[in-house]
Protein backbone atom coordinates (compact mmCIF):
# COMPACT_ATOMS: atom_id res chain seq x y z
CA MET A 1 0.00 0.00 0.00
CA ALA A 2 1.15 3.50 -0.83
CA GLY A 3 -0.71 5.67 1.68
CA VAL A 4 -4.38 4.96 1.21
CA LEU A 5 -3.89 3.74 -2.37
CA SER A 6 -3.19 0.20 -3.45
CA SER A 7 -0.40 -0.40 -5.91
CA GLU A 8 -2.91 -0.68 -8.75
CA HIS A 9 -4.52 2.61 -7.78
CA ALA A 10 -1.15 4.31 -7.54
CA ALA A 11 -0.17 3.04 -10.99
CA THR A 12 -3.41 4.29 -12.45
CA ALA A 13 -3.12 7.69 -10.79
CA SER A 14 0.46 8.16 -12.01
CA ALA A 15 -0.21 7.12 -15.58
CA ALA A 16 1.15 9.80 -17.92
CA ASP A 17 -1.07 9.10 -20.89
CA VAL A 18 -4.60 9.19 -19.51
CA HIS A 19 -7.16 11.36 -21.35
CA HIS A 20 -10.29 11.56 -19.24
CA GLY A 21 -13.52 11.30 -21.17
CA GLU A 22 -12.11 10.27 -24.53
CA VAL A 23 -14.32 7.73 -26.29
CA ALA A 24 -14.15 6.90 -29.97
CA GLN A 25 -17.21 8.03 -31.95
CA THR A 26 -17.87 4.51 -33.23
CA SER A 27 -17.72 3.15 -29.68
CA LEU A 28 -20.21 5.78 -28.51
CA VAL A 29 -22.57 4.89 -31.35
CA ARG A 30 -22.36 1.18 -30.46
CA LEU A 31 -22.91 2.00 -26.79
CA LEU A 32 -26.07 4.02 -27.50
CA LEU A 33 -27.36 1.30 -29.81
CA ARG A 34 -26.86 -1.34 -27.13
CA LEU A 35 -28.49 0.88 -24.54
CA LYS A 36 -31.52 1.50 -26.77
CA TRP A 37 -31.85 -2.22 -27.55
CA THR A 38 -31.59 -3.20 -23.88
CA LEU A 39 -34.16 -0.64 -22.74
CA TRP A 40 -36.51 -1.58 -25.59
CA LYS A 41 -36.43 -5.26 -24.62
CA ARG A 42 -36.96 -4.51 -20.95
CA SER A 43 -39.99 -2.32 -21.73
CA TYR A 44 -41.89 -5.52 -22.63
CA ARG A 45 -41.19 -7.30 -19.35
CA LYS A 46 -44.40 -7.79 -17.35
CA ASN A 47 -46.18 -5.55 -19.85
CA VAL A 48 -48.66 -7.83 -21.55
CA GLY A 49 -50.71 -4.96 -22.93
CA LYS A 50 -47.76 -3.44 -24.76
CA LEU A 51 -46.79 -6.83 -26.16
CA ILE A 52 -50.32 -7.45 -27.44
CA GLY A 53 -50.49 -3.95 -28.91
CA THR A 54 -47.16 -4.46 -30.65
CA LEU A 55 -48.27 -7.78 -32.14
CA ILE A 56 -51.48 -6.18 -33.43
CA GLY A 57 -49.44 -3.33 -34.90
CA VAL A 58 -47.09 -5.81 -36.59
CA LEU A 59 -50.04 -7.62 -38.16
CA TYR A 60 -51.49 -4.37 -39.47
CA ALA A 61 -48.08 -3.33 -40.82
CA ALA A 62 -47.64 -6.69 -42.55
CA GLY A 63 -51.05 -6.27 -44.15
CA GLY A 64 -50.08 -2.79 -45.28
CA LEU A 65 -46.88 -4.09 -46.88
CA ALA A 66 -48.85 -6.78 -48.72
CA SER A 67 -51.28 -4.13 -50.00
CA LEU A 68 -48.33 -2.03 -51.11
CA VAL A 69 -46.94 -4.94 -53.15
CA PHE A 70 -50.28 -5.46 -54.91
CA ALA A 71 -50.62 -1.72 -55.57
CA PHE A 72 -47.18 -1.64 -57.19
CA LEU A 73 -47.92 -4.79 -59.19
CA GLY A 74 -51.07 -3.16 -60.49
CA THR A 75 -49.16 -0.10 -61.70
CA THR A 76 -46.15 -1.91 -63.22
CA LEU A 77 -46.51 -5.49 -64.47
CA TRP A 78 -50.30 -5.41 -64.67
CA ALA A 79 -50.50 -1.92 -66.16
CA GLY A 80 -50.52 -1.01 -69.83
CA GLU A 81 -47.89 1.75 -69.95
CA GLY A 82 -47.27 2.29 -66.24
CA GLU A 83 -48.34 5.92 -66.52
CA THR A 84 -49.56 6.25 -62.94
CA PHE A 85 -46.54 4.67 -61.26
CA GLY A 86 -44.54 7.88 -61.08
CA LEU A 87 -47.54 9.69 -59.58
CA ILE A 88 -47.96 6.95 -56.96
CA ILE A 89 -44.26 6.96 -56.01
CA ARG A 90 -44.20 10.73 -55.60
CA GLY A 91 -47.45 10.73 -53.64
CA LEU A 92 -46.50 7.85 -51.34
CA GLY A 93 -43.04 9.29 -50.75
CA THR A 94 -44.51 12.63 -49.70
CA ALA A 95 -47.14 10.92 -47.53
CA THR A 96 -44.46 8.82 -45.81
CA VAL A 97 -42.35 11.82 -44.79
CA LEU A 98 -45.43 13.78 -43.71
CA ALA A 99 -46.69 10.83 -41.67
CA TRP A 100 -43.35 10.44 -39.93
CA PHE A 101 -43.48 14.11 -38.99
CA LEU A 102 -47.17 14.73 -38.24
CA ILE A 103 -48.15 11.53 -36.43
CA PRO A 104 -45.55 11.95 -33.65
CA VAL A 105 -46.25 15.69 -33.40
CA LEU A 106 -50.03 15.32 -33.25
CA ALA A 107 -50.36 12.03 -31.43
CA PHE A 108 -47.81 9.66 -30.06
CA GLY A 109 -44.73 11.77 -29.61
CA VAL A 110 -41.33 10.35 -30.37
CA ASP A 111 -39.55 7.54 -28.55
CA ASP A 112 -37.58 9.38 -25.85
CA THR A 113 -35.88 6.31 -24.40
CA LEU A 114 -32.61 8.13 -25.07
CA ASP A 115 -33.76 11.63 -24.24
CA PRO A 116 -30.77 13.97 -24.76
CA ARG A 117 -31.52 15.64 -21.43
CA SER A 118 -30.65 12.35 -19.71
CA PHE A 119 -27.02 12.85 -20.80
CA ALA A 120 -26.68 16.36 -19.36
CA LEU A 121 -24.41 15.22 -16.51
CA PHE A 122 -22.03 13.38 -18.84
CA PRO A 123 -19.09 15.14 -20.54
CA ARG A 124 -20.54 14.79 -24.02
CA SER A 125 -21.51 17.51 -26.47
CA ALA A 126 -24.38 17.40 -28.92
CA LYS A 127 -21.91 16.84 -31.75
CA GLU A 128 -20.68 13.66 -30.06
CA LEU A 129 -24.10 12.36 -29.06
CA GLN A 130 -25.95 13.11 -32.27
CA PRO A 131 -24.67 10.23 -34.49
CA GLY A 132 -25.44 7.67 -31.78
CA LEU A 133 -28.86 9.14 -31.07
CA PHE A 134 -29.67 9.08 -34.78
CA ALA A 135 -28.54 5.46 -35.14
CA ALA A 136 -30.59 4.51 -32.08
CA SER A 137 -33.66 6.26 -33.51
CA ALA A 138 -33.59 3.81 -36.43
CA LEU A 139 -33.80 0.92 -33.95
CA SER A 140 -37.59 0.66 -33.80
CA LEU A 141 -40.41 -1.29 -35.41
CA PRO A 142 -41.82 1.71 -37.35
CA SER A 143 -38.35 2.34 -38.76
CA ALA A 144 -37.95 -1.32 -39.71
CA PHE A 145 -41.30 -1.47 -41.52
CA THR A 146 -40.61 1.83 -43.26
CA VAL A 147 -37.26 0.47 -44.49
CA VAL A 148 -39.00 -2.63 -45.81
CA ALA A 149 -41.63 -0.48 -47.55
CA VAL A 150 -38.91 1.70 -49.11
CA ALA A 151 -37.06 -1.46 -50.23
CA ILE A 152 -40.25 -2.78 -51.88
CA ALA A 153 -40.76 0.57 -53.61
CA THR A 154 -37.13 0.56 -54.73
CA ALA A 155 -37.45 -2.90 -56.28
CA PHE A 156 -40.57 -1.92 -58.19
CA GLU A 157 -38.96 1.36 -59.27
CA VAL A 158 -36.14 -0.63 -60.84
CA LEU A 159 -38.68 -2.88 -62.53
CA TRP A 160 -40.63 0.13 -63.81
CA LEU A 161 -37.44 1.77 -65.10
CA VAL A 162 -36.53 -1.35 -67.05
CA LEU A 163 -40.02 -1.75 -68.50
CA PHE A 164 -41.11 1.84 -69.10
CA GLY A 165 -38.04 4.09 -68.72
CA GLN A 166 -37.39 6.84 -71.29
CA GLY A 167 -33.97 6.01 -72.76
CA VAL A 168 -31.05 3.88 -71.57
CA GLY A 169 -29.01 6.82 -70.30
CA TRP A 170 -31.79 8.22 -68.20
CA ILE A 171 -32.62 4.75 -66.86
CA LEU A 172 -29.01 4.18 -65.73
CA ALA A 173 -28.84 7.63 -64.12
CA ALA A 174 -32.09 6.99 -62.29
CA ILE A 175 -30.91 3.57 -61.07
CA VAL A 176 -27.62 5.04 -59.82
CA LEU A 177 -29.44 7.71 -57.78
CA LEU A 178 -32.37 5.50 -56.78
CA ILE A 179 -31.02 3.90 -53.59
CA PRO A 180 -29.18 7.04 -52.31
CA ALA A 181 -32.28 9.20 -52.89
CA ASN A 182 -34.60 6.74 -51.14
CA LEU A 183 -32.19 6.33 -48.23
CA ALA A 184 -31.96 10.10 -47.93
CA GLY A 185 -35.74 10.21 -47.80
CA MET A 186 -35.68 7.68 -44.98
CA VAL A 187 -33.08 9.75 -43.15
CA LEU A 188 -35.36 12.76 -43.40
CA CYS A 189 -38.21 10.70 -41.94
CA LEU A 190 -36.13 10.01 -38.85
CA LEU A 191 -34.67 13.49 -38.52
CA LEU A 192 -37.74 15.72 -38.76
CA PRO A 193 -39.68 14.54 -35.68
CA ARG A 194 -36.55 14.34 -33.53
CA ALA A 195 -35.42 17.82 -34.47
CA TRP A 196 -38.90 19.17 -33.71
CA PHE A 197 -39.19 17.50 -30.31
CA ALA A 198 -35.64 18.43 -29.33
CA HIS A 199 -36.48 22.02 -30.19
CA SER A 200 -39.71 21.83 -28.17
CA ALA A 201 -37.88 20.37 -25.17
CA SER A 202 -35.21 23.08 -25.31
CA ARG A 203 -37.56 26.05 -25.42
CA ALA A 204 -37.64 28.24 -22.34
CA SER A 205 -41.29 27.53 -21.61
CA SER A 206 -43.09 26.09 -18.66
CA ARG A 207 -43.80 22.40 -18.46
CA SER A 208 -47.52 23.05 -18.27
CA GLY A 209 -47.38 24.97 -21.54
CA ARG A 210 -45.73 22.05 -23.31
CA GLU A 211 -48.22 19.62 -21.78
CA LEU A 212 -51.19 21.68 -22.93
CA GLY A 213 -49.61 21.91 -26.36
CA GLY A 214 -49.42 18.11 -26.47
CA ILE A 215 -53.09 17.80 -25.53
CA ALA A 216 -54.04 20.38 -28.16
CA ALA A 217 -52.10 18.41 -30.76
CA MET A 218 -53.89 15.23 -29.71
CA MET A 219 -57.23 17.02 -30.09
CA VAL A 220 -56.25 18.12 -33.59
CA MET A 221 -55.41 14.54 -34.48
CA PHE A 222 -58.77 13.26 -33.21
CA ALA A 223 -60.56 16.05 -35.07
CA ALA A 224 -58.79 15.02 -38.27
CA ILE A 225 -59.76 11.37 -37.71
CA TYR A 226 -63.39 12.27 -37.09
CA GLY A 227 -63.40 14.57 -40.11
CA PHE A 228 -62.01 11.80 -42.30
CA SER A 229 -64.63 9.39 -40.95
CA LEU A 230 -67.41 11.85 -41.76
CA GLY A 231 -65.97 12.38 -45.22
CA MET A 232 -65.93 8.63 -45.86
CA GLN A 233 -69.64 8.53 -45.07
CA ARG A 234 -70.23 10.74 -48.13
CA ILE A 235 -67.73 9.04 -50.42
CA ASP A 236 -70.52 7.98 -52.78
CA ASP A 237 -71.03 11.64 -53.62
CA LEU A 238 -67.35 12.11 -54.50
CA ASN A 239 -66.63 13.39 -58.00
CA ILE A 240 -64.02 10.90 -59.24
CA GLU A 241 -63.29 12.85 -62.42
CA LEU A 242 -62.59 15.98 -60.40
CA VAL A 243 -60.18 14.04 -58.18
CA ARG A 244 -58.37 12.65 -61.23
CA HIS A 245 -58.07 16.16 -62.60
CA TRP A 246 -56.68 17.77 -59.45
CA LEU A 247 -54.62 14.95 -57.91
CA PRO A 248 -51.61 15.09 -60.30
CA GLY A 249 -51.30 18.84 -59.76
CA VAL A 250 -51.44 18.47 -55.97
CA VAL A 251 -48.80 15.71 -56.00
CA GLU A 252 -46.59 17.79 -58.28
CA VAL A 253 -46.75 20.75 -55.91
CA LEU A 254 -45.96 18.54 -52.88
CA ALA A 255 -43.02 17.03 -54.77
CA TRP A 256 -41.41 20.49 -54.76
CA THR A 257 -41.58 20.66 -50.96
CA PRO A 258 -38.90 19.18 -48.68
CA PHE A 259 -41.33 16.37 -47.85
CA GLY A 260 -41.55 14.98 -51.38
CA ALA A 261 -38.44 16.19 -53.17
CA LEU A 262 -36.07 13.30 -52.50
CA PHE A 263 -38.43 10.46 -53.46
CA SER A 264 -39.22 12.29 -56.72
CA VAL A 265 -35.63 12.56 -58.00
CA PRO A 266 -35.35 9.05 -59.60
CA MET A 267 -38.71 9.44 -61.35
CA ASP A 268 -37.64 12.82 -62.75
CA LEU A 269 -34.44 11.36 -64.19
CA ALA A 270 -36.32 8.39 -65.66
CA GLU A 271 -38.61 10.86 -67.43
CA GLY A 272 -35.66 12.89 -68.70
CA ALA A 273 -36.43 15.92 -66.52
CA VAL A 274 -32.86 16.78 -65.48
CA LEU A 275 -33.36 20.30 -64.14
CA PRO A 276 -36.31 19.40 -61.85
CA ALA A 277 -34.32 16.38 -60.61
CA LEU A 278 -31.30 18.53 -59.73
CA LEU A 279 -33.39 21.20 -58.06
CA ARG A 280 -35.30 18.64 -55.98
CA LEU A 281 -32.04 16.92 -55.05
CA LEU A 282 -30.72 20.28 -53.87
CA ILE A 283 -33.93 20.92 -51.86
CA GLY A 284 -33.71 17.50 -50.20
CA ALA A 285 -29.99 17.75 -49.39
CA ALA A 286 -30.39 21.26 -47.97
CA THR A 287 -33.34 20.09 -45.86
CA ILE A 288 -31.32 17.22 -44.35
CA VAL A 289 -28.32 19.46 -43.58
CA LEU A 290 -30.42 22.22 -42.04
CA THR A 291 -32.52 19.75 -40.03
CA TRP A 292 -29.35 18.03 -38.76
CA LEU A 293 -27.88 21.38 -37.62
CA TRP A 294 -31.21 22.40 -36.10
CA TRP A 295 -31.35 19.14 -34.17
CA ARG A 296 -27.76 19.57 -32.94
CA ARG A 297 -28.47 23.10 -31.71
CA SER A 298 -31.63 21.91 -29.96
CA ILE A 299 -29.73 19.05 -28.28
CA ASP A 300 -27.16 21.54 -27.00
CA ALA A 301 -29.97 23.68 -25.61
CA SER A 302 -31.64 20.61 -24.07
CA LEU A 303 -28.42 19.60 -22.32
CA THR A 304 -28.24 23.08 -20.81
CA SER A 305 -31.93 23.38 -19.90
CA ALA A 306 -31.83 19.98 -18.18
CA LEU A 307 -29.41 21.46 -15.65
CA THR A 308 -31.07 24.87 -15.27
CA GLY A 309 -34.69 23.61 -15.16
CA ASP A 310 -37.82 24.89 -16.84
CA ALA A 311 -38.57 28.56 -17.02
CA SER A 312 -41.29 29.92 -14.82
CA SER A 313 -43.33 33.03 -15.19
CA GLY A 314 -43.19 33.71 -11.48
CA THR A 315 -46.81 34.78 -11.48
CA THR A 316 -48.28 31.73 -9.78
CA LYS A 317 -50.71 32.73 -7.07
CA VAL A 318 -51.32 30.73 -3.93
CA SER A 319 -55.03 30.15 -3.38
CA PRO A 320 -56.94 28.25 -0.68
CA LEU A 321 -57.24 24.54 -1.28
CA VAL A 322 -60.92 24.39 -0.26
CA PRO A 323 -63.20 26.23 -2.71
CA ARG A 324 -65.05 29.23 -1.27
CA TRP A 325 -68.43 27.61 -1.83
CA ALA A 326 -67.44 24.40 0.02
CA LYS A 327 -67.32 23.89 3.77
CA PRO A 328 -63.78 23.61 5.23
CA SER A 329 -63.56 19.91 5.95
CA PRO A 330 -61.75 16.78 4.73
CA PHE A 331 -64.39 16.51 1.99
CA GLY A 332 -63.79 20.12 0.93
CA ALA A 333 -60.02 19.61 0.86
CA VAL A 334 -60.30 16.55 -1.38
CA LEU A 335 -62.79 18.36 -3.58
CA GLY A 336 -60.45 21.33 -4.02
CA LYS A 337 -57.44 19.13 -4.67
CA SER A 338 -59.32 17.09 -7.27
CA LEU A 339 -60.57 20.21 -9.05
CA ARG A 340 -56.98 21.40 -9.33
CA TYR A 341 -55.97 18.04 -10.76
CA TRP A 342 -58.69 18.28 -13.39
CA ARG A 343 -57.46 21.75 -14.37
CA ARG A 344 -53.70 21.16 -14.35
CA ASP A 345 -52.84 17.47 -14.73
CA THR A 346 -52.60 16.31 -18.35
CA ARG A 347 -53.64 12.80 -17.34
CA TYR A 348 -57.00 14.20 -16.23
CA LEU A 349 -57.33 16.81 -18.97
CA ALA A 350 -56.75 14.25 -21.71
CA SER A 351 -59.38 11.92 -20.27
CA ILE A 352 -62.15 14.52 -20.66
CA GLY A 353 -60.72 16.68 -23.45
CA VAL A 354 -61.77 14.23 -26.13
CA TYR A 355 -65.46 14.24 -25.14
CA PRO A 356 -66.34 17.62 -26.74
CA LEU A 357 -64.89 16.34 -30.01
CA ILE A 358 -66.92 13.15 -29.72
CA ILE A 359 -70.12 15.16 -29.16
CA VAL A 360 -69.36 17.30 -32.21
CA PHE A 361 -68.80 14.10 -34.18
CA PHE A 362 -72.16 12.70 -32.98
CA VAL A 363 -73.93 15.89 -34.03
CA ALA A 364 -72.29 15.93 -37.45
CA MET A 365 -72.91 12.22 -38.00
CA GLY A 366 -76.59 12.59 -37.16
CA LEU A 367 -76.95 15.55 -39.51
CA VAL A 368 -75.08 13.83 -42.35
CA LEU A 369 -76.79 10.45 -41.90
CA PRO A 370 -80.30 10.90 -40.42
CA GLU A 371 -80.75 7.13 -40.13
CA SER A 372 -77.89 7.02 -37.59
CA ARG A 373 -79.53 9.42 -35.11
CA PRO A 374 -80.93 6.79 -32.69
CA MET A 375 -77.51 5.13 -32.56
CA MET A 376 -75.82 8.49 -31.87
CA LEU A 377 -78.17 9.11 -28.93
CA ALA A 378 -77.43 5.63 -27.57
CA MET A 379 -73.69 6.30 -27.96
CA THR A 380 -74.12 9.55 -26.04
CA VAL A 381 -75.54 7.63 -23.08
CA PHE A 382 -72.74 5.07 -23.42
CA MET A 383 -70.08 7.81 -23.36
CA CYS A 384 -71.62 9.22 -20.17
CA GLY A 385 -71.06 5.82 -18.58
CA LEU A 386 -67.43 5.92 -19.67
CA THR A 387 -66.94 9.33 -18.06
CA GLY A 388 -68.05 7.75 -14.79
CA ILE A 389 -65.24 5.19 -14.79
CA THR A 390 -62.49 7.75 -15.35
CA LEU A 391 -62.13 7.67 -11.54
CA CYS A 392 -61.39 3.96 -11.34
CA ASN A 393 -57.67 4.49 -10.61
CA GLU A 394 -57.72 7.59 -8.43
CA ILE A 395 -55.57 5.92 -5.77
CA GLY A 396 -53.01 5.00 -8.45
CA PHE A 397 -52.97 8.55 -9.83
CA ASP A 398 -52.03 9.83 -6.36
CA GLY A 399 -48.84 7.79 -6.55
CA PRO A 400 -46.22 8.72 -3.93
CA SER A 401 -48.33 11.65 -2.67
CA GLY A 402 -50.83 9.16 -1.24
CA TRP A 403 -48.82 9.01 1.99
CA VAL A 404 -50.25 12.43 2.93
CA ASN A 405 -53.75 10.98 3.10
CA ILE A 406 -52.52 8.16 5.34
CA THR A 407 -50.52 10.31 7.76
CA ALA A 408 -53.29 12.92 7.94
CA ASN A 409 -55.79 10.14 8.75
CA LEU A 410 -58.08 11.34 5.97
CA PRO A 411 -61.47 9.59 6.23
CA ALA A 412 -61.90 7.16 3.36
CA ARG A 413 -65.48 8.27 2.71
CA ALA A 414 -64.43 11.92 2.35
CA ASN A 415 -61.51 10.86 0.17
CA LEU A 416 -63.78 9.09 -2.31
CA LEU A 417 -66.74 11.48 -2.16
CA GLY A 418 -64.55 14.53 -2.75
CA ARG A 419 -63.20 13.04 -5.97
CA VAL A 420 -66.70 12.16 -7.16
CA ALA A 421 -67.98 15.65 -6.34
CA ALA A 422 -65.14 17.22 -8.36
CA ILE A 423 -65.97 15.32 -11.54
CA ALA A 424 -69.68 15.97 -10.95
CA VAL A 425 -69.02 19.73 -10.87
CA ILE A 426 -67.17 19.45 -14.17
CA MET A 427 -69.30 16.95 -16.08
CA VAL A 428 -72.95 17.28 -14.97
CA PRO A 429 -73.70 20.81 -16.30
CA PRO A 430 -72.43 20.08 -19.86
CA LEU A 431 -74.15 16.69 -19.72
CA LEU A 432 -77.53 18.34 -19.07
CA VAL A 433 -76.99 20.76 -21.94
CA VAL A 434 -75.86 18.09 -24.42
CA THR A 435 -78.62 15.61 -23.59
CA ALA A 436 -81.24 18.34 -24.00
CA VAL A 437 -79.89 19.92 -27.18
CA LEU A 438 -78.86 16.80 -29.10
CA PRO A 439 -82.37 15.26 -29.34
CA LEU A 440 -83.70 18.68 -30.37
CA LEU A 441 -81.18 18.87 -33.21
CA TYR A 442 -82.21 15.39 -34.29
CA ASP A 443 -85.91 16.34 -34.17
CA MET A 444 -86.46 13.77 -31.42
CA ALA A 445 -87.56 15.98 -28.54
CA HIS A 446 -89.71 13.18 -27.09
CA LEU A 447 -86.51 11.31 -26.19
CA ILE A 448 -85.07 14.12 -24.04
CA PRO A 449 -86.32 12.67 -20.68
CA LEU A 450 -84.97 9.22 -21.48
CA VAL A 451 -81.59 10.41 -22.77
CA MET A 452 -81.05 12.91 -19.96
CA LEU A 453 -82.11 10.65 -17.08
CA ALA A 454 -80.35 7.58 -18.50
CA SER A 455 -77.13 9.56 -19.03
CA ILE A 456 -77.16 10.77 -15.42
CA GLY A 457 -78.02 7.26 -14.22
CA VAL A 458 -75.14 5.51 -16.00
CA MET A 459 -72.72 8.24 -14.96
CA ILE A 460 -73.68 7.85 -11.29
CA THR A 461 -73.37 4.08 -11.69
CA GLY A 462 -69.86 4.65 -13.07
CA TRP A 463 -68.93 6.70 -10.03
CA GLY A 464 -70.02 3.89 -7.73
CA ALA A 465 -68.14 1.30 -9.79
CA SER A 466 -65.02 3.50 -9.73
CA ALA A 467 -65.22 3.96 -5.96
CA ALA A 468 -65.34 0.20 -5.41
CA VAL A 469 -62.96 -1.01 -8.12
CA GLY A 470 -60.46 1.79 -7.51
CA ALA A 471 -60.18 0.87 -3.83
CA ILE A 472 -59.88 -2.86 -4.55
CA MET A 473 -57.63 -2.97 -7.63
CA PRO A 474 -55.47 0.17 -7.93
CA TYR A 475 -52.48 -0.02 -10.25
CA PRO A 476 -49.38 2.18 -10.72
CA ALA A 477 -49.86 5.15 -13.02
CA SER A 478 -47.54 7.27 -15.10
CA PRO A 479 -46.40 10.53 -13.45
CA PRO A 480 -48.15 13.88 -13.94
CA GLY A 481 -47.25 15.59 -17.19
CA THR A 482 -47.06 12.35 -19.15
CA ASN A 483 -47.96 12.57 -22.83
CA PRO A 484 -51.46 11.02 -22.98
CA MET A 485 -50.58 9.02 -26.09
CA LYS A 486 -47.48 7.61 -24.39
CA ASP A 487 -49.10 6.86 -21.05
CA LYS A 488 -48.08 3.35 -20.00
CA SER A 489 -50.66 3.11 -17.23
CA ALA A 490 -53.40 1.50 -19.31
CA SER A 491 -51.14 -1.05 -21.03
CA SER A 492 -50.68 -3.42 -18.10
CA ALA A 493 -52.78 -6.53 -17.46
CA ASN A 494 -53.98 -5.06 -14.12
CA ALA A 495 -55.20 -1.91 -15.85
CA MET A 496 -57.08 -3.84 -18.53
CA LEU A 497 -58.70 -6.08 -15.94
CA THR A 498 -59.68 -3.10 -13.78
CA MET A 499 -61.25 -1.27 -16.72
CA ALA A 500 -63.10 -4.38 -17.86
CA ILE A 501 -64.57 -4.97 -14.39
CA ALA A 502 -65.51 -1.28 -14.09
CA MET A 503 -67.32 -1.29 -17.45
CA VAL A 504 -69.24 -4.44 -16.56
CA SER A 505 -70.13 -2.89 -13.20
CA VAL A 506 -71.56 0.15 -14.99
CA PHE A 507 -73.78 -1.49 -17.57
CA VAL A 508 -74.96 -4.70 -15.87
CA PRO A 509 -77.00 -2.82 -13.22
CA GLN A 510 -78.63 -0.85 -16.05
CA ILE A 511 -80.00 -3.91 -17.88
CA PRO A 512 -83.58 -3.25 -16.67
CA THR A 513 -83.30 0.28 -18.06
CA ILE A 514 -82.19 -1.06 -21.44
CA GLY A 515 -85.12 -3.46 -21.54
CA LEU A 516 -87.68 -0.80 -20.62
CA ALA A 517 -86.21 1.67 -23.13
CA ILE A 518 -86.39 -0.86 -25.96
CA TRP A 519 -89.96 -1.74 -25.00
CA GLY A 520 -90.98 1.92 -24.93
CA LEU A 521 -89.35 2.60 -28.32
CA VAL A 522 -91.03 -0.43 -29.92
CA VAL A 523 -94.53 0.42 -28.72
CA GLY A 524 -93.98 4.18 -29.00
CA SER A 525 -94.95 4.89 -25.38
CA GLU A 526 -93.50 8.10 -23.93
CA VAL A 527 -94.64 6.97 -20.45
CA LEU A 528 -92.49 3.84 -20.69
CA LEU A 529 -89.55 5.95 -21.87
CA LEU A 530 -89.94 8.24 -18.88
CA VAL A 531 -90.19 5.24 -16.55
CA ALA A 532 -87.02 3.80 -18.11
CA GLY A 533 -85.16 7.05 -17.41
CA LEU A 534 -86.37 7.15 -13.80
CA VAL A 535 -85.42 3.49 -13.29
CA SER A 536 -81.93 4.29 -14.62
CA LEU A 537 -81.61 7.13 -12.10
CA VAL A 538 -82.75 4.91 -9.19
CA LEU A 539 -80.48 2.05 -10.21
CA GLY A 540 -77.58 4.48 -10.55
CA ALA A 541 -78.15 5.88 -7.07
CA LEU A 542 -78.35 2.37 -5.63
CA ALA A 543 -75.19 1.25 -7.44
CA PHE A 544 -73.38 4.37 -6.23
CA TRP A 545 -74.40 3.74 -2.62
CA VAL A 546 -73.22 0.12 -2.78
CA GLY A 547 -69.96 1.03 -4.53
CA LEU A 548 -69.22 3.81 -2.06
CA ARG A 549 -69.81 1.50 0.89
CA ILE A 550 -67.49 -1.14 -0.57
CA GLY A 551 -64.82 1.38 -1.51
CA THR A 552 -64.93 3.12 1.89
CA ALA A 553 -64.58 -0.13 3.84
CA ARG A 554 -61.75 -1.38 1.63
CA LEU A 555 -59.82 1.89 1.66
CA GLN A 556 -60.21 2.42 5.41
CA ALA A 557 -58.95 -1.06 6.23
CA HIS A 558 -56.18 -1.49 3.63
CA TYR A 559 -54.93 1.97 2.64
CA PRO A 560 -51.26 1.25 3.61
CA ASP A 561 -51.31 -1.97 1.59
CA LEU A 562 -52.82 -0.21 -1.43
CA PHE A 563 -50.25 2.56 -1.12
CA GLN A 564 -47.46 0.00 -1.41
CA LYS A 565 -48.85 -1.03 -4.80
CA VAL A 566 -48.96 2.46 -6.28
CA ARG A 567 -46.32 4.45 -4.41
CA ASP A 568 -43.97 4.47 -7.42
CA PHE A 569 -44.93 6.01 -10.76
CA LEU A 570 -44.24 4.00 -13.89
């Protein structure tokens, strides 16, 4: 021993040629790839829901690839002159890049397993991390299926060039640039969403602002889906000739944008259009370079912001926990806390934010297709039942903060009732308006009592089911601020079982209501319809009383044990 150092330590400390922190770039890339692969595999452990969802996604993707093969066969080997193949390649190439950019932005986000901010404490710059992060971003199932799709398109492009190309020289030039151009298009697919999200993460904005932006983007995505669904209902009225006239022009314009330029270059050369090919190649190359530099700058900013924290406006005001109109009591405290959660927590906001869009969709669907109006009213009642079971994992949403309720000896009844009262304050007033206005818009005013009373009845039933199931089968939730589309809470087997039991507990007690409503509709008796609504209300109140009793007893007796199950966020 030399002092407190062993001989090995002394030799290491006295080494003359030690460069702290030096790691070869290739080694860093391999390290990040291994890390991404390891974390990706571990994400499936004990996560049956994610595994099932992935398998379903793989089946859909395989079906999409098969459809792509048949579409290309129909426009090459089975086509007369292959005139539409170039249009299809340009259109699909543009759609692929747009999908890679818009779907993460509007819905699912981007895989942040290797979030740059996680490397803030390591002596690595954005320039060093960027190649490894990019390589790791390609290590995903969407990337793999996109590569396969691009490979299929490349093979059929070669076939089309051989069969229908304009001149040997142009065919050879197109084949030479085909694979590099398609690979560059794939690179752009991976770069765009990562550059955007790195920029968003590096902005000096509050976390709540970014969370609300994510919810707004999700709402836009759902609105687009509902709009597309409504449009498909009127597809029989579509003017096919008008579409054929305008579609080539639209695709041509999109091919001049950064989204479609690269995939259009080989087709331009095959058609002998040299100048458009060169200009689009320049647009695509400049887009990749600028996006790469933008991403690097955003990573640098993210590494800095991870150490300094989010910006704050400093204008937050402290207000009493108990609302002014509520009595200061344990019930009032839980009510006030829950109301704040519904206003601020994205997990709560996302769960109710989609309902206005659904109601708008119901209204539009009923106006577009009058024969669907009874079904839309029934779906409105069904959705009210679903709003009732949004409370079925309240104990899990508390997470580590649940210890406060235990140490403060909060009464279980007040704990559950306060949460129910909060959602009632938020949901009941709009429910009364919707269930009164919707039948009027459908010219079915005689159904207002049934729809209104049944909606309230199933919602109250849902509250009772949530009180009981949530106190018996809580499960760990994702932390506050989680992107709703990336929330892992609902993907576990426990979550699926809890939701299934809650849904059964909502609608089974309402079976007599369903029978009476069908009877009243068949015979056209408004009295029977009113009785059905009143029965739904009574059954809902009874189910709520039973569920609250069960939940209170369970929570009062086993709160510490339940806390152990949910004390850690996912």
